[in-house]
N, C-alpha and C. Protein backbone atom coordinates (compact mmCIF):
# COMPACT_ATOMS: atom_id res chain seq x y z
N MET A 1 -5.48 -6.58 6.56
CA MET A 1 -6.96 -6.05 6.38
C MET A 1 -7.17 -6.26 4.76
N THR A 2 -8.29 -6.99 4.69
CA THR A 2 -8.92 -7.24 3.28
C THR A 2 -10.13 -6.48 3.11
N LEU A 3 -10.29 -5.62 2.03
CA LEU A 3 -11.35 -4.78 1.80
C LEU A 3 -12.64 -5.64 1.26
N ASN A 4 -13.75 -5.47 1.72
CA ASN A 4 -14.87 -6.17 1.05
C ASN A 4 -15.49 -5.39 -0.21
N LEU A 5 -14.82 -5.75 -1.27
CA LEU A 5 -15.11 -5.09 -2.57
C LEU A 5 -15.64 -6.17 -3.45
N SER A 6 -16.61 -5.88 -4.30
CA SER A 6 -17.15 -6.71 -5.42
C SER A 6 -16.09 -6.66 -6.60
N VAL A 7 -16.19 -7.62 -7.36
CA VAL A 7 -15.19 -7.67 -8.50
C VAL A 7 -15.30 -6.42 -9.22
N ASP A 8 -16.56 -5.97 -9.54
CA ASP A 8 -16.70 -4.66 -10.41
C ASP A 8 -16.08 -3.52 -9.79
N GLU A 9 -16.30 -3.46 -8.36
CA GLU A 9 -15.75 -2.25 -7.66
C GLU A 9 -14.28 -2.31 -7.74
N LEU A 10 -13.79 -3.53 -7.47
CA LEU A 10 -12.38 -3.74 -7.44
C LEU A 10 -11.73 -3.21 -8.69
N LEU A 11 -12.41 -3.66 -9.87
CA LEU A 11 -11.80 -3.38 -11.21
C LEU A 11 -11.95 -1.87 -11.58
N THR A 12 -12.89 -1.14 -11.04
CA THR A 12 -13.25 0.25 -11.42
C THR A 12 -12.66 1.22 -10.31
N THR A 13 -12.01 0.75 -9.24
CA THR A 13 -11.43 1.63 -8.35
C THR A 13 -10.09 1.47 -8.01
N THR A 14 -9.46 0.60 -8.78
CA THR A 14 -7.94 0.35 -8.67
C THR A 14 -7.21 1.53 -9.53
N ARG A 15 -6.85 2.51 -8.76
CA ARG A 15 -6.29 3.77 -9.29
C ARG A 15 -4.70 3.68 -9.29
N SER A 16 -4.06 4.46 -10.17
CA SER A 16 -2.79 4.92 -9.98
C SER A 16 -2.69 5.83 -8.81
N VAL A 17 -2.13 5.26 -7.77
CA VAL A 17 -2.10 6.09 -6.53
C VAL A 17 -0.67 6.66 -6.43
N ARG A 18 -0.58 7.98 -6.24
CA ARG A 18 0.52 8.64 -6.03
C ARG A 18 0.62 9.64 -4.90
N LYS A 19 -0.24 10.56 -4.64
CA LYS A 19 -0.32 11.55 -3.55
C LYS A 19 -0.91 10.88 -2.34
N ARG A 20 -1.59 9.89 -2.46
CA ARG A 20 -2.25 9.19 -1.28
C ARG A 20 -1.48 7.88 -0.76
N LEU A 21 -0.25 7.72 -1.20
CA LEU A 21 0.51 6.69 -0.65
C LEU A 21 0.97 7.05 0.70
N ASP A 22 0.88 6.31 1.75
CA ASP A 22 1.34 6.47 3.06
C ASP A 22 2.72 6.13 3.12
N LEU A 23 3.48 7.20 3.16
CA LEU A 23 4.97 7.02 3.13
C LEU A 23 5.60 6.59 4.37
N GLU A 24 4.73 6.62 5.58
CA GLU A 24 5.16 6.35 6.95
C GLU A 24 4.91 4.88 7.40
N LYS A 25 3.88 4.18 6.80
CA LYS A 25 3.43 2.97 7.28
C LYS A 25 4.18 1.84 6.64
N PRO A 26 4.92 1.01 7.46
CA PRO A 26 5.72 -0.18 6.83
C PRO A 26 4.64 -1.07 6.15
N VAL A 27 5.19 -1.72 4.99
CA VAL A 27 4.48 -2.80 4.29
C VAL A 27 5.13 -4.12 4.59
N PRO A 28 4.40 -4.99 5.26
CA PRO A 28 5.10 -6.29 5.55
C PRO A 28 5.35 -7.14 4.40
N ARG A 29 6.47 -7.86 4.39
CA ARG A 29 6.79 -8.70 3.17
C ARG A 29 5.85 -9.85 3.00
N GLU A 30 5.15 -10.23 4.11
CA GLU A 30 4.26 -11.40 3.91
C GLU A 30 3.04 -10.95 3.08
N VAL A 31 2.64 -9.63 3.21
CA VAL A 31 1.54 -9.15 2.44
C VAL A 31 1.91 -9.11 0.96
N LEU A 32 3.12 -8.57 0.66
CA LEU A 32 3.42 -8.60 -0.67
C LEU A 32 3.56 -9.90 -1.42
N LEU A 33 4.06 -10.86 -0.61
CA LEU A 33 4.11 -12.22 -1.10
C LEU A 33 2.78 -12.89 -1.29
N GLU A 34 1.90 -12.59 -0.46
CA GLU A 34 0.35 -13.01 -0.66
C GLU A 34 -0.18 -12.38 -1.89
N CYS A 35 0.07 -11.11 -2.22
CA CYS A 35 -0.39 -10.58 -3.50
C CYS A 35 0.21 -11.11 -4.53
N LEU A 36 1.49 -11.44 -4.52
CA LEU A 36 2.28 -12.01 -5.65
C LEU A 36 1.69 -13.46 -5.82
N GLU A 37 1.44 -14.18 -4.92
CA GLU A 37 1.04 -15.59 -5.07
C GLU A 37 -0.33 -15.51 -5.91
N LEU A 38 -1.07 -14.50 -5.68
CA LEU A 38 -2.32 -14.25 -6.53
C LEU A 38 -2.01 -13.94 -7.80
N ALA A 39 -1.12 -13.03 -7.97
CA ALA A 39 -0.71 -12.63 -9.34
C ALA A 39 -0.15 -13.64 -10.13
N LEU A 40 0.64 -14.53 -9.60
CA LEU A 40 1.20 -15.58 -10.48
C LEU A 40 0.21 -16.68 -10.92
N GLN A 41 -1.09 -16.44 -10.62
CA GLN A 41 -2.16 -17.25 -11.29
C GLN A 41 -2.51 -16.62 -12.63
N ALA A 42 -2.09 -15.47 -13.08
CA ALA A 42 -2.32 -14.96 -14.32
C ALA A 42 -1.81 -15.66 -15.46
N PRO A 43 -2.42 -15.64 -16.65
CA PRO A 43 -1.96 -16.30 -17.81
C PRO A 43 -0.55 -15.88 -18.25
N THR A 44 0.15 -16.70 -18.81
CA THR A 44 1.60 -16.43 -19.39
C THR A 44 1.77 -17.27 -20.62
N GLY A 45 2.35 -16.68 -21.75
CA GLY A 45 2.54 -17.36 -22.92
C GLY A 45 3.19 -18.72 -22.79
N SER A 46 2.53 -19.78 -23.28
CA SER A 46 3.18 -21.17 -23.36
C SER A 46 3.33 -21.71 -21.96
N ASN A 47 2.70 -20.90 -20.90
CA ASN A 47 2.83 -21.37 -19.53
C ASN A 47 4.45 -21.13 -19.20
N ALA A 48 5.22 -20.40 -19.77
CA ALA A 48 6.61 -20.23 -19.62
C ALA A 48 6.79 -19.77 -18.25
N GLN A 49 6.20 -18.93 -17.67
CA GLN A 49 6.39 -18.38 -16.35
C GLN A 49 7.89 -17.74 -16.21
N GLY A 50 8.25 -16.91 -17.31
CA GLY A 50 9.59 -16.49 -17.18
C GLY A 50 9.77 -15.24 -16.47
N TRP A 51 8.90 -14.88 -15.61
CA TRP A 51 8.95 -13.72 -14.74
C TRP A 51 9.87 -13.78 -13.52
N GLN A 52 10.27 -12.66 -13.00
CA GLN A 52 11.01 -12.45 -11.83
C GLN A 52 10.58 -11.18 -11.30
N TRP A 53 10.45 -11.10 -9.95
CA TRP A 53 9.90 -9.99 -9.28
C TRP A 53 10.88 -9.43 -8.26
N VAL A 54 11.44 -8.24 -8.35
CA VAL A 54 12.46 -7.63 -7.67
C VAL A 54 11.78 -6.58 -6.76
N PHE A 55 11.70 -6.97 -5.47
CA PHE A 55 11.22 -5.92 -4.55
C PHE A 55 12.40 -5.18 -3.92
N VAL A 56 12.25 -3.90 -3.67
CA VAL A 56 13.35 -3.06 -3.19
C VAL A 56 12.77 -2.38 -1.88
N ASP A 57 13.42 -2.65 -0.77
CA ASP A 57 13.04 -1.80 0.45
C ASP A 57 14.32 -1.33 1.17
N ASP A 58 15.51 -1.55 0.57
CA ASP A 58 16.79 -0.97 0.98
C ASP A 58 16.85 0.49 0.74
N PRO A 59 17.05 1.30 1.75
CA PRO A 59 16.88 2.89 1.49
C PRO A 59 17.81 3.35 0.34
N GLU A 60 19.00 2.86 0.54
CA GLU A 60 20.07 3.39 -0.46
C GLU A 60 19.59 2.96 -1.98
N LYS A 61 19.30 1.77 -2.06
CA LYS A 61 18.84 1.33 -3.42
C LYS A 61 17.66 1.93 -3.86
N LYS A 62 16.72 2.22 -2.96
CA LYS A 62 15.48 2.93 -3.35
C LYS A 62 15.86 4.39 -3.85
N LYS A 63 16.84 5.01 -3.24
CA LYS A 63 17.16 6.30 -3.64
C LYS A 63 17.93 6.23 -4.86
N ALA A 64 18.76 5.36 -5.09
CA ALA A 64 19.39 5.10 -6.46
C ALA A 64 18.35 4.89 -7.54
N ILE A 65 17.36 4.13 -7.37
CA ILE A 65 16.38 3.86 -8.38
C ILE A 65 15.48 5.13 -8.64
N ALA A 66 15.17 5.88 -7.56
CA ALA A 66 14.31 7.10 -7.70
C ALA A 66 15.19 8.21 -8.47
N ASP A 67 16.56 8.26 -8.13
CA ASP A 67 17.32 9.21 -8.90
C ASP A 67 17.31 8.89 -10.39
N ILE A 68 17.37 7.64 -10.77
CA ILE A 68 17.26 7.22 -12.15
C ILE A 68 16.05 7.63 -12.76
N TYR A 69 14.90 7.37 -12.01
CA TYR A 69 13.64 7.70 -12.50
C TYR A 69 13.44 9.25 -12.63
N ARG A 70 13.92 9.91 -11.72
CA ARG A 70 13.85 11.41 -11.61
C ARG A 70 14.55 12.06 -12.83
N HIS A 71 15.65 11.45 -13.17
CA HIS A 71 16.49 11.96 -14.37
C HIS A 71 15.62 12.03 -15.52
N ASN A 72 14.84 10.98 -15.81
CA ASN A 72 13.95 10.97 -17.00
C ASN A 72 12.62 11.62 -16.77
N ALA A 73 12.10 11.58 -15.52
CA ALA A 73 10.64 12.06 -15.28
C ALA A 73 10.75 13.63 -15.23
N THR A 74 11.73 14.21 -14.73
CA THR A 74 11.49 15.59 -14.50
C THR A 74 11.41 16.41 -15.84
N PRO A 75 12.22 16.26 -16.86
CA PRO A 75 12.06 17.00 -18.04
C PRO A 75 10.79 16.56 -18.82
N TYR A 76 10.45 15.18 -18.62
CA TYR A 76 9.21 14.74 -19.22
C TYR A 76 7.91 15.44 -18.64
N LEU A 77 7.90 15.48 -17.39
CA LEU A 77 6.61 16.13 -16.69
C LEU A 77 6.67 17.72 -16.98
N ASP A 78 7.72 18.26 -17.06
CA ASP A 78 7.85 19.73 -17.39
C ASP A 78 7.49 20.10 -18.78
N ALA A 79 7.66 19.16 -19.64
CA ALA A 79 7.49 19.52 -21.16
C ALA A 79 5.96 19.61 -21.45
N PRO A 80 5.68 20.58 -22.43
CA PRO A 80 4.25 20.74 -22.88
C PRO A 80 3.84 19.59 -23.41
N LYS A 81 2.42 19.30 -23.22
CA LYS A 81 1.73 18.11 -23.80
C LYS A 81 0.70 18.57 -24.84
N PRO A 82 0.62 17.69 -25.89
CA PRO A 82 -0.59 18.10 -26.79
C PRO A 82 -1.88 17.82 -26.17
N GLU A 83 -2.78 18.55 -26.68
CA GLU A 83 -4.17 18.47 -26.18
C GLU A 83 -4.95 17.45 -26.98
N PHE A 84 -5.90 16.81 -26.24
CA PHE A 84 -6.88 15.89 -26.88
C PHE A 84 -8.03 16.42 -27.49
N GLY A 85 -8.54 17.61 -26.91
CA GLY A 85 -9.72 18.18 -27.40
C GLY A 85 -10.93 17.53 -26.77
N ASP A 86 -10.74 16.93 -25.77
CA ASP A 86 -11.88 16.35 -25.06
C ASP A 86 -11.77 16.39 -23.55
N MET A 87 -12.58 15.53 -22.84
CA MET A 87 -12.59 15.61 -21.43
C MET A 87 -11.22 15.13 -20.67
N ARG A 88 -10.31 14.53 -21.47
CA ARG A 88 -8.96 14.24 -21.00
C ARG A 88 -8.17 15.35 -20.71
N ASP A 89 -8.42 16.44 -21.46
CA ASP A 89 -7.63 17.67 -21.08
C ASP A 89 -7.92 18.32 -19.74
N GLU A 90 -9.20 18.14 -19.27
CA GLU A 90 -9.62 18.59 -17.96
C GLU A 90 -8.81 17.93 -16.81
N ARG A 91 -8.53 16.66 -17.05
CA ARG A 91 -7.90 15.87 -15.99
C ARG A 91 -6.36 16.01 -15.97
N ARG A 92 -5.81 16.54 -16.99
CA ARG A 92 -4.44 16.52 -17.09
C ARG A 92 -3.65 17.38 -16.03
N PRO A 93 -4.03 18.61 -15.76
CA PRO A 93 -3.31 19.31 -14.63
C PRO A 93 -3.28 18.40 -13.39
N LEU A 94 -4.35 17.84 -12.97
CA LEU A 94 -4.40 16.95 -11.76
C LEU A 94 -3.38 15.72 -11.89
N VAL A 95 -3.50 15.11 -13.07
CA VAL A 95 -2.54 14.03 -13.21
C VAL A 95 -1.14 14.43 -13.23
N THR A 96 -0.88 15.52 -13.90
CA THR A 96 0.63 16.07 -13.80
C THR A 96 1.02 16.40 -12.42
N GLU A 97 0.09 17.06 -11.66
CA GLU A 97 0.47 17.50 -10.25
C GLU A 97 0.78 16.10 -9.51
N SER A 98 -0.09 15.23 -9.77
CA SER A 98 0.07 13.94 -8.94
C SER A 98 1.48 13.16 -9.25
N ALA A 99 1.69 13.21 -10.66
CA ALA A 99 3.00 12.64 -11.04
C ALA A 99 4.11 13.35 -10.66
N LYS A 100 4.10 14.59 -10.52
CA LYS A 100 5.22 15.39 -9.94
C LYS A 100 5.43 15.08 -8.46
N HIS A 101 4.33 14.96 -7.80
CA HIS A 101 4.45 14.62 -6.35
C HIS A 101 5.22 13.31 -6.11
N LEU A 102 4.65 12.28 -6.95
CA LEU A 102 5.41 11.00 -6.92
C LEU A 102 6.93 11.20 -7.21
N ASN A 103 7.14 11.91 -8.36
CA ASN A 103 8.59 12.16 -8.68
C ASN A 103 9.45 12.66 -7.60
N GLU A 104 8.90 13.54 -6.76
CA GLU A 104 9.61 14.15 -5.76
C GLU A 104 9.81 13.25 -4.47
N HIS A 105 8.89 12.30 -4.41
CA HIS A 105 8.81 11.50 -3.13
C HIS A 105 9.14 10.08 -3.37
N LEU A 106 9.39 9.61 -4.47
CA LEU A 106 9.61 8.30 -4.90
C LEU A 106 10.50 7.40 -4.02
N HIS A 107 11.60 8.16 -3.55
CA HIS A 107 12.58 7.45 -2.76
C HIS A 107 12.03 7.24 -1.42
N GLU A 108 10.95 7.72 -1.01
CA GLU A 108 10.45 7.70 0.41
C GLU A 108 9.35 6.58 0.38
N VAL A 109 8.94 5.83 -0.57
CA VAL A 109 7.96 4.85 -0.59
C VAL A 109 8.50 3.72 0.14
N PRO A 110 7.65 2.93 0.99
CA PRO A 110 8.01 1.80 1.67
C PRO A 110 8.88 0.71 0.83
N VAL A 111 8.19 0.40 -0.25
CA VAL A 111 8.69 -0.65 -1.19
C VAL A 111 8.50 -0.31 -2.51
N MET A 112 9.58 -0.65 -3.39
CA MET A 112 9.38 -0.52 -4.80
C MET A 112 9.37 -1.99 -5.45
N LEU A 113 8.71 -2.14 -6.57
CA LEU A 113 8.77 -3.45 -7.28
C LEU A 113 9.13 -3.15 -8.81
N ILE A 114 9.97 -4.00 -9.19
CA ILE A 114 10.34 -4.03 -10.63
C ILE A 114 10.07 -5.49 -11.21
N PRO A 115 9.12 -5.66 -12.02
CA PRO A 115 8.74 -6.88 -12.57
C PRO A 115 9.60 -7.25 -13.85
N CYS A 116 10.16 -8.36 -13.93
CA CYS A 116 11.10 -8.61 -15.12
C CYS A 116 10.66 -9.87 -15.80
N LEU A 117 10.84 -9.87 -17.09
CA LEU A 117 10.51 -11.09 -17.88
C LEU A 117 11.77 -11.49 -18.68
N GLU A 118 12.02 -12.81 -18.76
CA GLU A 118 13.14 -13.43 -19.41
C GLU A 118 12.99 -13.01 -20.99
N GLY A 119 14.20 -12.60 -21.44
CA GLY A 119 14.25 -12.16 -22.84
C GLY A 119 14.26 -10.64 -23.09
N ARG A 120 14.63 -10.29 -24.31
CA ARG A 120 14.73 -8.99 -24.66
C ARG A 120 14.11 -8.77 -25.97
N PRO A 121 12.92 -7.96 -26.05
CA PRO A 121 12.18 -7.80 -27.36
C PRO A 121 12.62 -6.67 -28.23
N ASP A 122 13.89 -6.23 -27.98
CA ASP A 122 14.45 -5.03 -28.70
C ASP A 122 14.42 -5.36 -30.25
N GLY A 123 13.80 -4.55 -30.96
CA GLY A 123 13.77 -4.61 -32.39
C GLY A 123 12.95 -5.81 -33.10
N VAL A 124 12.10 -6.42 -32.19
CA VAL A 124 11.30 -7.56 -32.74
C VAL A 124 10.03 -6.94 -33.34
N PRO A 125 9.31 -7.64 -34.25
CA PRO A 125 8.09 -7.14 -34.75
C PRO A 125 7.01 -6.88 -33.72
N ALA A 126 5.98 -6.12 -34.03
CA ALA A 126 5.06 -5.73 -33.06
C ALA A 126 4.32 -6.94 -32.39
N GLY A 127 4.02 -7.97 -33.33
CA GLY A 127 3.31 -9.17 -32.90
C GLY A 127 3.98 -9.90 -31.88
N GLU A 128 5.25 -10.07 -32.09
CA GLU A 128 6.27 -10.78 -31.20
C GLU A 128 6.41 -9.89 -29.82
N SER A 129 6.56 -8.70 -29.98
CA SER A 129 6.61 -7.86 -28.84
C SER A 129 5.35 -7.89 -28.07
N ALA A 130 4.09 -7.96 -28.61
CA ALA A 130 3.00 -8.02 -27.95
C ALA A 130 2.84 -9.31 -27.15
N GLY A 131 3.27 -10.49 -27.85
CA GLY A 131 3.18 -11.71 -27.21
C GLY A 131 4.27 -11.78 -25.97
N PHE A 132 5.35 -11.06 -26.16
CA PHE A 132 6.21 -11.08 -25.13
C PHE A 132 5.75 -10.36 -23.75
N TRP A 133 5.25 -9.10 -23.92
CA TRP A 133 4.76 -8.32 -22.86
C TRP A 133 3.48 -8.96 -22.32
N GLY A 134 2.77 -9.69 -23.15
CA GLY A 134 1.49 -10.24 -22.69
C GLY A 134 1.81 -11.50 -21.75
N SER A 135 3.00 -11.86 -21.60
CA SER A 135 3.37 -12.93 -20.67
C SER A 135 3.66 -12.35 -19.25
N LEU A 136 3.67 -10.95 -19.18
CA LEU A 136 4.06 -10.28 -17.89
C LEU A 136 2.85 -9.34 -17.46
N LEU A 137 2.33 -8.56 -18.30
CA LEU A 137 1.36 -7.56 -17.84
C LEU A 137 0.15 -8.03 -17.14
N PRO A 138 -0.46 -9.12 -17.63
CA PRO A 138 -1.60 -9.51 -16.81
C PRO A 138 -1.33 -9.87 -15.28
N ALA A 139 -0.13 -10.46 -15.10
CA ALA A 139 0.28 -10.82 -13.71
C ALA A 139 0.58 -9.53 -13.01
N ALA A 140 1.18 -8.44 -13.64
CA ALA A 140 1.55 -7.34 -12.88
C ALA A 140 0.27 -6.50 -12.57
N TRP A 141 -0.76 -6.62 -13.47
CA TRP A 141 -1.96 -5.81 -13.11
C TRP A 141 -2.77 -6.61 -11.99
N SER A 142 -2.79 -8.11 -12.05
CA SER A 142 -3.25 -8.77 -10.93
C SER A 142 -2.76 -8.30 -9.59
N PHE A 143 -1.34 -8.18 -9.71
CA PHE A 143 -0.68 -7.70 -8.49
C PHE A 143 -1.36 -6.47 -7.88
N MET A 144 -1.51 -5.46 -8.79
CA MET A 144 -2.02 -4.19 -8.37
C MET A 144 -3.40 -4.29 -7.79
N LEU A 145 -4.27 -5.18 -8.54
CA LEU A 145 -5.55 -5.43 -7.88
C LEU A 145 -5.52 -6.19 -6.57
N ALA A 146 -4.60 -7.07 -6.31
CA ALA A 146 -4.52 -7.74 -4.96
C ALA A 146 -4.05 -6.76 -3.94
N LEU A 147 -3.06 -5.67 -4.43
CA LEU A 147 -2.79 -4.66 -3.30
C LEU A 147 -4.05 -3.84 -2.98
N ARG A 148 -4.86 -3.43 -3.89
CA ARG A 148 -6.05 -2.60 -3.76
C ARG A 148 -6.94 -3.35 -2.88
N SER A 149 -7.19 -4.66 -2.96
CA SER A 149 -8.11 -5.48 -2.16
C SER A 149 -7.57 -5.41 -0.63
N ARG A 150 -6.33 -5.22 -0.40
CA ARG A 150 -5.73 -5.30 0.80
C ARG A 150 -5.47 -3.82 1.41
N GLY A 151 -5.94 -2.84 0.80
CA GLY A 151 -5.62 -1.48 1.43
C GLY A 151 -4.42 -0.83 0.89
N LEU A 152 -3.67 -1.53 0.00
CA LEU A 152 -2.46 -0.76 -0.54
C LEU A 152 -2.72 -0.30 -1.85
N GLY A 153 -1.73 0.65 -2.41
CA GLY A 153 -1.79 1.17 -3.80
C GLY A 153 -0.48 1.17 -4.36
N SER A 154 -0.52 1.50 -5.74
CA SER A 154 0.67 1.61 -6.51
C SER A 154 0.37 2.49 -7.74
N ALA A 155 1.34 2.58 -8.64
CA ALA A 155 1.20 3.29 -9.79
C ALA A 155 2.22 2.64 -10.78
N TRP A 156 1.71 2.28 -11.95
CA TRP A 156 2.47 1.63 -12.95
C TRP A 156 3.33 2.76 -13.63
N THR A 157 4.70 2.84 -13.30
CA THR A 157 5.52 3.82 -14.10
C THR A 157 6.44 3.08 -14.91
N THR A 158 6.98 3.87 -15.93
CA THR A 158 7.95 3.18 -16.79
C THR A 158 9.02 4.26 -17.21
N LEU A 159 9.08 5.50 -16.63
CA LEU A 159 9.92 6.47 -17.12
C LEU A 159 11.48 6.12 -16.69
N HIS A 160 11.65 5.20 -15.75
CA HIS A 160 13.01 4.87 -15.52
C HIS A 160 13.65 4.02 -16.47
N LEU A 161 12.90 3.47 -17.35
CA LEU A 161 13.39 2.58 -18.46
C LEU A 161 13.95 3.47 -19.69
N VAL A 162 13.59 4.69 -19.76
CA VAL A 162 14.07 5.57 -20.81
C VAL A 162 15.52 5.62 -20.83
N GLY A 163 16.16 5.71 -22.14
CA GLY A 163 17.55 5.80 -22.30
C GLY A 163 18.33 4.83 -21.65
N LYS A 164 19.29 5.17 -20.90
CA LYS A 164 20.19 4.30 -20.18
C LYS A 164 19.64 3.80 -18.79
N GLY A 165 18.44 4.28 -18.52
CA GLY A 165 17.89 4.06 -17.18
C GLY A 165 17.65 2.65 -16.86
N GLU A 166 17.19 1.81 -17.75
CA GLU A 166 17.03 0.30 -17.49
C GLU A 166 18.35 -0.30 -17.08
N LYS A 167 19.40 -0.02 -17.93
CA LYS A 167 20.65 -0.58 -17.58
C LYS A 167 21.22 -0.17 -16.18
N LEU A 168 20.97 1.13 -15.93
CA LEU A 168 21.49 1.63 -14.63
C LEU A 168 20.77 0.96 -13.49
N ALA A 169 19.39 0.80 -13.73
CA ALA A 169 18.66 0.21 -12.59
C ALA A 169 19.16 -1.35 -12.45
N ALA A 170 19.31 -2.03 -13.64
CA ALA A 170 19.89 -3.32 -13.59
C ALA A 170 21.05 -3.47 -12.82
N ASP A 171 21.99 -2.50 -12.99
CA ASP A 171 23.31 -2.48 -12.36
C ASP A 171 23.06 -2.29 -10.85
N VAL A 172 22.17 -1.51 -10.41
CA VAL A 172 22.01 -1.26 -8.98
C VAL A 172 21.42 -2.46 -8.42
N LEU A 173 20.58 -3.19 -9.06
CA LEU A 173 19.79 -4.30 -8.46
C LEU A 173 20.41 -5.65 -8.81
N GLY A 174 21.39 -5.74 -9.57
CA GLY A 174 21.94 -6.95 -10.06
C GLY A 174 21.01 -7.82 -10.97
N ILE A 175 20.32 -7.12 -11.67
CA ILE A 175 19.32 -7.84 -12.63
C ILE A 175 20.17 -8.17 -13.99
N PRO A 176 20.22 -9.34 -14.33
CA PRO A 176 20.96 -9.63 -15.68
C PRO A 176 20.40 -9.00 -16.72
N PHE A 177 21.05 -7.93 -17.20
CA PHE A 177 20.36 -6.84 -18.21
C PHE A 177 20.29 -7.66 -19.47
N GLU A 178 21.10 -8.46 -20.00
CA GLU A 178 21.10 -9.08 -21.32
C GLU A 178 19.98 -10.25 -21.33
N LYS A 179 19.64 -10.69 -20.23
CA LYS A 179 18.71 -11.81 -20.05
C LYS A 179 17.24 -11.49 -19.73
N TYR A 180 17.07 -10.29 -18.98
CA TYR A 180 15.83 -10.07 -18.52
C TYR A 180 15.49 -8.56 -18.72
N SER A 181 14.19 -8.34 -19.24
CA SER A 181 13.64 -7.13 -19.46
C SER A 181 12.89 -6.64 -18.32
N GLN A 182 12.82 -5.33 -17.97
CA GLN A 182 12.08 -4.66 -16.80
C GLN A 182 10.77 -4.19 -17.49
N GLY A 183 9.71 -4.51 -16.68
CA GLY A 183 8.49 -4.17 -17.23
C GLY A 183 7.78 -2.92 -16.57
N GLY A 184 8.56 -2.26 -15.69
CA GLY A 184 8.09 -1.04 -15.12
C GLY A 184 8.68 -0.87 -13.66
N LEU A 185 8.20 0.11 -12.93
CA LEU A 185 8.65 0.50 -11.64
C LEU A 185 7.23 0.77 -10.81
N PHE A 186 7.05 0.04 -9.79
CA PHE A 186 5.81 0.12 -9.06
C PHE A 186 6.13 0.62 -7.57
N PRO A 187 5.79 1.88 -7.07
CA PRO A 187 5.88 2.25 -5.87
C PRO A 187 4.78 1.65 -5.01
N ILE A 188 5.01 1.06 -3.89
CA ILE A 188 3.95 0.30 -3.20
C ILE A 188 3.98 0.81 -1.67
N ALA A 189 2.70 1.18 -1.17
CA ALA A 189 2.53 1.55 0.04
C ALA A 189 0.92 1.48 0.39
N TYR A 190 0.65 1.46 1.68
CA TYR A 190 -0.80 1.56 2.09
C TYR A 190 -1.15 2.82 1.71
N THR A 191 -2.51 3.04 1.51
CA THR A 191 -3.11 4.22 0.96
C THR A 191 -3.75 4.99 2.14
N LYS A 192 -3.84 6.24 2.04
CA LYS A 192 -4.38 7.07 2.97
C LYS A 192 -5.88 7.15 2.60
N GLY A 193 -6.70 6.29 3.30
CA GLY A 193 -7.99 6.16 2.99
C GLY A 193 -8.13 5.00 1.84
N THR A 194 -9.21 4.43 1.75
CA THR A 194 -9.52 3.46 0.75
C THR A 194 -10.74 3.78 -0.16
N ASP A 195 -11.12 5.06 -0.03
CA ASP A 195 -12.36 5.46 -0.82
C ASP A 195 -12.08 5.95 -2.25
N PHE A 196 -11.55 5.09 -3.00
CA PHE A 196 -11.31 5.47 -4.36
C PHE A 196 -12.62 5.19 -5.21
N ARG A 197 -12.63 6.08 -6.31
CA ARG A 197 -13.86 6.07 -7.14
C ARG A 197 -13.35 5.75 -8.63
N PRO A 198 -14.32 5.35 -9.36
CA PRO A 198 -14.10 5.29 -10.79
C PRO A 198 -13.64 6.49 -11.39
N ALA A 199 -12.65 6.37 -12.31
CA ALA A 199 -12.13 7.54 -13.05
C ALA A 199 -13.03 7.99 -14.22
N LYS A 200 -12.84 9.18 -14.60
CA LYS A 200 -13.55 9.73 -15.72
C LYS A 200 -12.87 9.16 -17.05
N ARG A 201 -13.57 8.43 -17.80
CA ARG A 201 -13.01 7.78 -18.98
C ARG A 201 -13.85 8.13 -20.20
N LEU A 202 -13.28 7.99 -21.44
CA LEU A 202 -14.00 8.17 -22.73
C LEU A 202 -15.17 6.97 -22.65
N PRO A 203 -16.41 7.25 -23.09
CA PRO A 203 -17.33 6.25 -23.05
C PRO A 203 -17.02 5.05 -24.06
N ALA A 204 -17.39 3.94 -23.61
CA ALA A 204 -17.00 2.73 -24.42
C ALA A 204 -17.40 2.83 -25.93
N GLU A 205 -18.52 3.39 -26.25
CA GLU A 205 -19.00 3.43 -27.58
C GLU A 205 -18.15 4.37 -28.44
N GLN A 206 -17.39 5.26 -27.72
CA GLN A 206 -16.44 6.27 -28.46
C GLN A 206 -15.17 5.53 -28.98
N VAL A 207 -14.91 4.37 -28.32
CA VAL A 207 -13.56 3.85 -28.61
C VAL A 207 -13.85 2.29 -29.07
N THR A 208 -15.07 1.99 -29.64
CA THR A 208 -15.48 0.67 -30.05
C THR A 208 -15.78 0.65 -31.51
N HIS A 209 -15.09 -0.41 -32.13
CA HIS A 209 -15.32 -0.60 -33.55
C HIS A 209 -16.03 -2.21 -33.72
N TRP A 210 -16.92 -2.28 -34.75
CA TRP A 210 -17.45 -3.48 -35.01
C TRP A 210 -17.22 -3.84 -36.38
N ASN A 211 -16.31 -4.87 -36.64
CA ASN A 211 -16.07 -5.36 -37.94
C ASN A 211 -15.20 -4.50 -38.89
N THR A 212 -15.12 -3.26 -38.57
CA THR A 212 -14.25 -2.41 -39.46
C THR A 212 -13.98 -1.12 -38.48
N TRP A 213 -12.86 -0.37 -38.89
CA TRP A 213 -12.55 0.77 -38.06
C TRP A 213 -13.40 1.85 -38.15
């Protein structure tokens, strides 16, 4: 199933989906590969294409990865958060509730994805780090857009990377830890309904600067 979405609608309604992931409906591998083929058209520094994409649908490995994630996510989600003093504070309880739901059910998602990039930017200057991740993140976002256009959803999570989590996940999945960096953890499932709407965001003029800060 491919949704008939305009480009603008696709860009404004691709949400971080957590509570509306259908945990019961299988996700065919051919659909994931179709989305990935589209994502691989994204730009990558020097055309290096140093990415690798690790899909996980084995129940035991999904549980192991979810346990690593939960070890970091639970204290983070339970900790008090600073207030912004604007409309973002209104959405925080809903976002936290949604994140806690995913934390509890992560092991139940049909498929997980961990995108990886060759190299390790540990301790490098910000400019080099930006260039490094800029060779992976556009493709990862393109993958999420491709999912949305086919009635699937995901959420870009990174909490499993905290502390020893990345190394533990690498051990579970056989990822060469010294050679590849993990860029996130994406739960993937068909969504319960496809009627997603644009999110409430700060207006563009509030975060825009011309020629000086």
